Amino acid sequence: MAPNVLPVSRFCFDITEVVRYAKRHERVTGIQRVELNVIRECIRLLGPDGVCGLIREEGGQGVRRVNLGFLADDSAFVASRLLQNTGALNTGIWPDKLILRK
């Protein structure tokens, strides 16, 4: 192993902004697509247990950890699948804009 390389067993990604974007749009573009591609590549290299996602709770009251292993199987991004698998669907009185549009 090279002297400047540290062994990594787990990467954690803050996917809060991707989740917020997915609540309003069915498809990702730009930086969201790049972030998801990086996550998929890390899952490919480290396995599904080597990558986790962090989502900041609304109001800044905490952070929730989610498993991102499901992204390894996704060939195309589907916002509702991301929201469902991360437990980010809004179940209150006002549903997410994505659900309203459908």
Protein backbone atom coordinates (compact mmCIF):
# COMPACT_ATOMS: atom_id res chain seq x y z
CA MET A 1 0.00 0.00 0.00
CA ALA A 2 1.26 3.49 -0.83
CA PRO A 3 2.29 5.57 2.23
CA ASN A 4 -0.33 8.28 1.55
CA VAL A 5 -3.25 5.89 1.15
CA LEU A 6 -5.50 5.10 4.10
CA PRO A 7 -7.67 1.99 4.09
CA VAL A 8 -11.35 2.95 3.99
CA SER A 9 -14.07 0.67 5.25
CA ARG A 10 -17.06 3.02 4.93
CA PHE A 11 -18.03 6.23 3.15
CA CYS A 12 -20.93 8.36 4.37
CA PHE A 13 -22.60 10.82 2.01
CA ASP A 14 -24.88 13.69 2.96
CA ILE A 15 -27.74 13.14 0.51
CA THR A 16 -30.07 15.76 1.98
CA GLU A 17 -30.00 17.98 -1.10
CA VAL A 18 -30.53 15.03 -3.46
CA VAL A 19 -33.59 14.02 -1.42
CA ARG A 20 -34.94 17.59 -1.45
CA TYR A 21 -34.44 17.76 -5.21
CA ALA A 22 -36.14 14.37 -5.65
CA LYS A 23 -39.19 15.62 -3.76
CA ARG A 24 -39.78 18.14 -6.56
CA HIS A 25 -38.39 16.46 -9.69
CA GLU A 26 -38.73 12.96 -11.11
CA ARG A 27 -35.30 13.01 -12.81
CA VAL A 28 -31.93 14.26 -11.58
CA THR A 29 -29.58 16.52 -13.49
CA GLY A 30 -26.21 18.08 -12.94
CA ILE A 31 -24.66 17.74 -9.52
CA GLN A 32 -27.32 15.33 -8.24
CA ARG A 33 -26.53 12.91 -11.05
CA VAL A 34 -22.80 13.22 -10.37
CA GLU A 35 -23.29 12.58 -6.65
CA LEU A 36 -25.41 9.48 -7.30
CA ASN A 37 -22.83 8.17 -9.80
CA VAL A 38 -20.05 8.62 -7.22
CA ILE A 39 -22.17 6.79 -4.62
CA ARG A 40 -22.86 3.92 -7.07
CA GLU A 41 -19.14 3.60 -7.83
CA CYS A 42 -18.31 3.51 -4.12
CA ILE A 43 -20.94 0.80 -3.61
CA ARG A 44 -19.38 -1.15 -6.47
CA LEU A 45 -15.92 -0.87 -4.87
CA LEU A 46 -16.81 -1.26 -1.17
CA GLY A 47 -20.05 -3.23 -1.33
CA PRO A 48 -23.47 -2.13 -0.08
CA ASP A 49 -22.37 -2.13 3.57
CA GLY A 50 -19.43 0.15 2.77
CA VAL A 51 -21.61 3.16 1.93
CA CYS A 52 -24.24 4.95 3.97
CA GLY A 53 -26.30 8.07 3.49
CA LEU A 54 -27.00 10.85 5.93
CA ILE A 55 -30.15 12.98 5.72
CA ARG A 56 -30.57 16.10 7.83
CA GLU A 57 -33.98 16.18 9.45
CA GLU A 58 -36.28 19.08 8.62
CA GLY A 59 -35.71 21.93 11.05
CA GLY A 60 -32.14 20.86 11.72
CA GLN A 61 -33.06 18.67 14.69
CA GLY A 62 -30.77 15.79 13.80
CA VAL A 63 -29.37 13.50 11.16
CA ARG A 64 -30.80 10.18 10.04
CA ARG A 65 -28.61 7.42 8.63
CA VAL A 66 -29.92 5.39 5.67
CA ASN A 67 -28.65 2.39 3.76
CA LEU A 68 -27.83 3.25 0.14
CA GLY A 69 -27.18 -0.29 -1.06
CA PHE A 70 -30.36 -0.18 -3.17
CA LEU A 71 -28.62 2.30 -5.51
CA ALA A 72 -26.31 -0.46 -6.78
CA ASP A 73 -29.24 -2.09 -8.58
CA ASP A 74 -30.72 1.09 -10.03
CA SER A 75 -29.82 1.69 -13.64
CA ALA A 76 -32.06 4.73 -14.03
CA PHE A 77 -32.93 7.21 -11.33
CA VAL A 78 -36.54 7.23 -10.17
CA ALA A 79 -37.26 9.89 -7.55
CA SER A 80 -40.14 8.07 -5.88
CA ARG A 81 -37.96 4.95 -5.43
CA LEU A 82 -35.20 7.02 -3.81
CA LEU A 83 -37.71 8.69 -1.49
CA GLN A 84 -39.31 5.39 -0.57
CA ASN A 85 -36.03 3.57 0.08
CA THR A 86 -34.66 6.39 2.22
CA GLY A 87 -37.89 6.85 4.18
CA ALA A 88 -38.09 10.44 2.97
CA LEU A 89 -41.64 10.49 1.64
CA ASN A 90 -43.68 13.15 3.40
CA THR A 91 -46.58 11.45 5.11
CA GLY A 92 -48.14 14.55 6.64
CA ILE A 93 -51.11 16.60 5.56
CA TRP A 94 -49.16 18.21 2.69
CA PRO A 95 -47.62 15.55 0.43
CA ASP A 96 -44.44 16.13 -1.52
CA LYS A 97 -44.79 18.11 -4.77
CA LEU A 98 -43.67 15.08 -6.75
CA ILE A 99 -46.61 13.06 -5.44
CA LEU A 100 -49.04 15.92 -6.11
CA ARG A 101 -47.90 16.18 -9.73
CA LYS A 102 -48.55 12.49 -10.29
